[in-house]
Amino acid sequence: MSTTAPELNGRLGHLLKHAQARLAALNAEALEPFGISGRELAVLLVIAGQDAPSQARVAGRLGVDRTTMVAFLDTLEGKGLLARRPDPGDRRRNVVVLTDHGTDTLRRATAASDEAERRFLAPLTGADAATFRSALTAVASYDGPA
């Protein structure tokens, strides 16, 4: 960012854009050996965090439409990371579960992604990194007046 126009250095949108781009690059590099993207890691994390969720529930948790969710699941299923099965309680819907390979990949990819985040936050002290995360969480989840 040192080659950026000095007038932009204090602009929040500019800073967030460049910070996100740096984190995305670090994360992509960390996840490359596992053959998944950051968005695919998010899908796996949501699936692992629930007891056999439906496709619709996973889409809702991620805030993506059904068509996008189906594409993600098709890709991850093609990689052998998850399986879709009829819901035993309601055969009209499918549930998604991680395969053994998916569980192992999730564990290792999460560790690699965590390391990428540590590298991203390296310029900050531990306390500053925690404050940064807390501040981003507050801003991202704020639903007050515009």
C-alpha atoms as a PDB file:
ATOM      1  CA  MET A   1       0.000   0.000   0.000  1.00  0.00           C
ATOM      2  CA  SER A   2       3.032   2.296   0.168  1.00  0.00           C
ATOM      3  CA  THR A   3       2.599   3.243  -3.520  1.00  0.00           C
ATOM      4  CA  THR A   4      -0.951   4.439  -2.881  1.00  0.00           C
ATOM      5  CA  ALA A   5      -1.863   8.099  -3.086  1.00  0.00           C
ATOM      6  CA  PRO A   6      -1.340   9.558   0.417  1.00  0.00           C
ATOM      7  CA  GLU A   7      -4.812  11.130   0.238  1.00  0.00           C
ATOM      8  CA  LEU A   8      -6.334   7.643   0.368  1.00  0.00           C
ATOM      9  CA  ASN A   9      -4.293   6.158   3.213  1.00  0.00           C
ATOM     10  CA  GLY A  10      -6.698   7.315   5.923  1.00  0.00           C
ATOM     11  CA  ARG A  11      -9.894   6.397   4.056  1.00  0.00           C
ATOM     12  CA  LEU A  12     -11.644   3.498   5.738  1.00  0.00           C
ATOM     13  CA  GLY A  13     -12.936   1.929   2.509  1.00  0.00           C
ATOM     14  CA  HIS A  14      -9.461   2.010   1.003  1.00  0.00           C
ATOM     15  CA  LEU A  15      -7.876   0.513   4.128  1.00  0.00           C
ATOM     16  CA  LEU A  16     -10.485  -2.238   4.423  1.00  0.00           C
ATOM     17  CA  LYS A  17     -10.175  -3.103   0.729  1.00  0.00           C
ATOM     18  CA  HIS A  18      -6.416  -3.495   0.942  1.00  0.00           C
ATOM     19  CA  ALA A  19      -6.508  -5.326   4.276  1.00  0.00           C
ATOM     20  CA  GLN A  20      -9.105  -7.767   2.916  1.00  0.00           C
ATOM     21  CA  ALA A  21      -7.074  -8.304  -0.255  1.00  0.00           C
ATOM     22  CA  ARG A  22      -3.960  -9.087   1.810  1.00  0.00           C
ATOM     23  CA  LEU A  23      -5.836 -11.518   4.053  1.00  0.00           C
ATOM     24  CA  ALA A  24      -7.501 -13.171   1.041  1.00  0.00           C
ATOM     25  CA  ALA A  25      -4.104 -13.673  -0.618  1.00  0.00           C
ATOM     26  CA  LEU A  26      -2.579 -15.171   2.543  1.00  0.00           C
ATOM     27  CA  ASN A  27      -5.600 -17.423   3.002  1.00  0.00           C
ATOM     28  CA  ALA A  28      -5.637 -18.549  -0.645  1.00  0.00           C
ATOM     29  CA  GLU A  29      -1.964 -19.474  -0.375  1.00  0.00           C
ATOM     30  CA  ALA A  30      -2.592 -21.380   2.869  1.00  0.00           C
ATOM     31  CA  LEU A  31      -5.575 -23.288   1.455  1.00  0.00           C
ATOM     32  CA  GLU A  32      -4.075 -24.097  -1.947  1.00  0.00           C
ATOM     33  CA  PRO A  33      -2.541 -27.428  -0.790  1.00  0.00           C
ATOM     34  CA  PHE A  34      -6.023 -28.590   0.250  1.00  0.00           C
ATOM     35  CA  GLY A  35      -7.677 -27.678  -3.057  1.00  0.00           C
ATOM     36  CA  ILE A  36     -10.300 -25.454  -1.475  1.00  0.00           C
ATOM     37  CA  SER A  37     -11.063 -21.755  -1.392  1.00  0.00           C
ATOM     38  CA  GLY A  38     -11.874 -19.583   1.593  1.00  0.00           C
ATOM     39  CA  ARG A  39     -15.568 -19.672   0.699  1.00  0.00           C
ATOM     40  CA  GLU A  40     -15.468 -23.464   0.486  1.00  0.00           C
ATOM     41  CA  LEU A  41     -13.777 -23.575   3.892  1.00  0.00           C
ATOM     42  CA  ALA A  42     -16.649 -21.476   5.246  1.00  0.00           C
ATOM     43  CA  VAL A  43     -19.169 -23.980   3.849  1.00  0.00           C
ATOM     44  CA  LEU A  44     -17.308 -26.881   5.469  1.00  0.00           C
ATOM     45  CA  LEU A  45     -17.125 -25.023   8.800  1.00  0.00           C
ATOM     46  CA  VAL A  46     -20.881 -24.369   8.797  1.00  0.00           C
ATOM     47  CA  ILE A  47     -21.657 -27.978   7.928  1.00  0.00           C
ATOM     48  CA  ALA A  48     -19.314 -29.270  10.648  1.00  0.00           C
ATOM     49  CA  GLY A  49     -20.856 -26.905  13.196  1.00  0.00           C
ATOM     50  CA  GLN A  50     -24.330 -28.402  12.838  1.00  0.00           C
ATOM     51  CA  ASP A  51     -25.810 -31.857  13.193  1.00  0.00           C
ATOM     52  CA  ALA A  52     -26.558 -32.940   9.579  1.00  0.00           C
ATOM     53  CA  PRO A  53     -27.931 -29.597   8.369  1.00  0.00           C
ATOM     54  CA  SER A  54     -30.165 -29.253   5.331  1.00  0.00           C
ATOM     55  CA  GLN A  55     -28.834 -27.562   2.216  1.00  0.00           C
ATOM     56  CA  ALA A  56     -31.259 -24.696   2.829  1.00  0.00           C
ATOM     57  CA  ARG A  57     -30.059 -24.239   6.408  1.00  0.00           C
ATOM     58  CA  VAL A  58     -26.416 -24.097   5.327  1.00  0.00           C
ATOM     59  CA  ALA A  59     -27.328 -21.520   2.651  1.00  0.00           C
ATOM     60  CA  GLY A  60     -29.186 -19.458   5.247  1.00  0.00           C
ATOM     61  CA  ARG A  61     -26.288 -19.524   7.697  1.00  0.00           C
ATOM     62  CA  LEU A  62     -23.901 -18.370   4.965  1.00  0.00           C
ATOM     63  CA  GLY A  63     -26.284 -15.797   3.516  1.00  0.00           C
ATOM     64  CA  VAL A  64     -26.139 -17.222  -0.007  1.00  0.00           C
ATOM     65  CA  ASP A  65     -28.960 -18.100  -2.379  1.00  0.00           C
ATOM     66  CA  ARG A  66     -29.953 -21.681  -3.096  1.00  0.00           C
ATOM     67  CA  THR A  67     -28.403 -21.764  -6.573  1.00  0.00           C
ATOM     68  CA  THR A  68     -25.021 -20.648  -5.219  1.00  0.00           C
ATOM     69  CA  MET A  69     -25.291 -23.153  -2.383  1.00  0.00           C
ATOM     70  CA  VAL A  70     -26.026 -26.023  -4.772  1.00  0.00           C
ATOM     71  CA  ALA A  71     -22.944 -25.069  -6.822  1.00  0.00           C
ATOM     72  CA  PHE A  72     -20.759 -25.028  -3.689  1.00  0.00           C
ATOM     73  CA  LEU A  73     -22.113 -28.381  -2.543  1.00  0.00           C
ATOM     74  CA  ASP A  74     -21.700 -29.920  -6.003  1.00  0.00           C
ATOM     75  CA  THR A  75     -18.056 -28.814  -6.059  1.00  0.00           C
ATOM     76  CA  LEU A  76     -17.322 -30.020  -2.525  1.00  0.00           C
ATOM     77  CA  GLU A  77     -19.104 -33.307  -3.147  1.00  0.00           C
ATOM     78  CA  GLY A  78     -17.059 -33.742  -6.335  1.00  0.00           C
ATOM     79  CA  LYS A  79     -13.901 -33.306  -4.247  1.00  0.00           C
ATOM     80  CA  GLY A  80     -15.095 -36.049  -1.884  1.00  0.00           C
ATOM     81  CA  LEU A  81     -15.403 -33.657   1.063  1.00  0.00           C
ATOM     82  CA  LEU A  82     -19.116 -34.023   1.748  1.00  0.00           C
ATOM     83  CA  ALA A  83     -22.097 -36.195   0.970  1.00  0.00           C
ATOM     84  CA  ARG A  84     -25.783 -35.408   0.586  1.00  0.00           C
ATOM     85  CA  ARG A  85     -28.277 -37.819   2.026  1.00  0.00           C
ATOM     86  CA  PRO A  86     -32.041 -37.856   2.355  1.00  0.00           C
ATOM     87  CA  ASP A  87     -33.134 -36.542   5.739  1.00  0.00           C
ATOM     88  CA  PRO A  88     -34.427 -39.555   7.698  1.00  0.00           C
ATOM     89  CA  GLY A  89     -37.106 -37.337   9.267  1.00  0.00           C
ATOM     90  CA  ASP A  90     -38.227 -35.735   5.992  1.00  0.00           C
ATOM     91  CA  ARG A  91     -37.252 -37.478   2.762  1.00  0.00           C
ATOM     92  CA  ARG A  92     -38.228 -34.381   0.739  1.00  0.00           C
ATOM     93  CA  ARG A  93     -35.051 -32.636   1.829  1.00  0.00           C
ATOM     94  CA  ASN A  94     -31.360 -33.477   1.801  1.00  0.00           C
ATOM     95  CA  VAL A  95     -28.916 -33.149   4.660  1.00  0.00           C
ATOM     96  CA  VAL A  96     -25.211 -32.568   4.141  1.00  0.00           C
ATOM     97  CA  VAL A  97     -22.492 -34.316   6.081  1.00  0.00           C
ATOM     98  CA  LEU A  98     -18.732 -34.247   5.887  1.00  0.00           C
ATOM     99  CA  THR A  99     -17.005 -37.371   4.685  1.00  0.00           C
ATOM    100  CA  ASP A 100     -13.981 -38.685   6.581  1.00  0.00           C
ATOM    101  CA  HIS A 101     -11.815 -36.989   3.947  1.00  0.00           C
ATOM    102  CA  GLY A 102     -13.827 -33.787   4.452  1.00  0.00           C
ATOM    103  CA  THR A 103     -13.341 -33.895   8.216  1.00  0.00           C
ATOM    104  CA  ASP A 104      -9.604 -34.399   7.835  1.00  0.00           C
ATOM    105  CA  THR A 105      -9.340 -31.664   5.193  1.00  0.00           C
ATOM    106  CA  LEU A 106     -11.367 -29.287   7.356  1.00  0.00           C
ATOM    107  CA  ARG A 107      -9.095 -29.879  10.341  1.00  0.00           C
ATOM    108  CA  ARG A 108      -5.901 -29.310   8.395  1.00  0.00           C
ATOM    109  CA  ALA A 109      -7.250 -26.429   6.269  1.00  0.00           C
ATOM    110  CA  THR A 110      -8.581 -24.648   9.359  1.00  0.00           C
ATOM    111  CA  ALA A 111      -5.157 -24.867  10.992  1.00  0.00           C
ATOM    112  CA  ALA A 112      -3.559 -23.461   7.822  1.00  0.00           C
ATOM    113  CA  SER A 113      -6.144 -20.665   7.629  1.00  0.00           C
ATOM    114  CA  ASP A 114      -5.597 -19.854  11.309  1.00  0.00           C
ATOM    115  CA  GLU A 115      -1.870 -19.528  10.572  1.00  0.00           C
ATOM    116  CA  ALA A 116      -2.645 -17.197   7.647  1.00  0.00           C
ATOM    117  CA  GLU A 117      -4.704 -15.044  10.021  1.00  0.00           C
ATOM    118  CA  ARG A 118      -1.803 -15.001  12.505  1.00  0.00           C
ATOM    119  CA  ARG A 119       0.502 -13.830   9.708  1.00  0.00           C
ATOM    120  CA  PHE A 120      -2.018 -11.161   8.720  1.00  0.00           C
ATOM    121  CA  LEU A 121      -2.256  -9.895  12.308  1.00  0.00           C
ATOM    122  CA  ALA A 122       1.511 -10.135  12.948  1.00  0.00           C
ATOM    123  CA  PRO A 123       2.020  -6.331  12.937  1.00  0.00           C
ATOM    124  CA  LEU A 124      -0.335  -6.090  15.948  1.00  0.00           C
ATOM    125  CA  THR A 125       0.228  -7.075  19.558  1.00  0.00           C
ATOM    126  CA  GLY A 126      -1.967  -9.873  20.895  1.00  0.00           C
ATOM    127  CA  ALA A 127      -4.164  -7.336  22.690  1.00  0.00           C
ATOM    128  CA  ASP A 128      -4.433  -5.146  19.584  1.00  0.00           C
ATOM    129  CA  ALA A 129      -5.326  -8.170  17.440  1.00  0.00           C
ATOM    130  CA  ALA A 130      -8.106  -9.100  19.891  1.00  0.00           C
ATOM    131  CA  THR A 131      -9.366  -5.510  19.892  1.00  0.00           C
ATOM    132  CA  PHE A 132      -9.264  -5.443  16.072  1.00  0.00           C
ATOM    133  CA  ARG A 133     -11.341  -8.644  15.860  1.00  0.00           C
ATOM    134  CA  SER A 134     -13.791  -7.306  18.427  1.00  0.00           C
ATOM    135  CA  ALA A 135     -14.143  -3.988  16.612  1.00  0.00           C
ATOM    136  CA  LEU A 136     -14.706  -5.703  13.250  1.00  0.00           C
ATOM    137  CA  THR A 137     -17.310  -7.979  14.831  1.00  0.00           C
ATOM    138  CA  ALA A 138     -19.123  -4.981  16.315  1.00  0.00           C
ATOM    139  CA  VAL A 139     -19.110  -3.064  13.029  1.00  0.00           C
ATOM    140  CA  ALA A 140     -20.087  -6.082  10.918  1.00  0.00           C
ATOM    141  CA  SER A 141     -22.997  -7.034  13.168  1.00  0.00           C
ATOM    142  CA  TYR A 142     -24.325  -3.543  13.917  1.00  0.00           C
ATOM    143  CA  ASP A 143     -27.897  -3.191  12.732  1.00  0.00           C
ATOM    144  CA  GLY A 144     -28.704   0.257  14.100  1.00  0.00           C
ATOM    145  CA  PRO A 145     -29.670   3.469  12.367  1.00  0.00           C
ATOM    146  CA  ALA A 146     -27.958   4.185   9.066  1.00  0.00           C
END
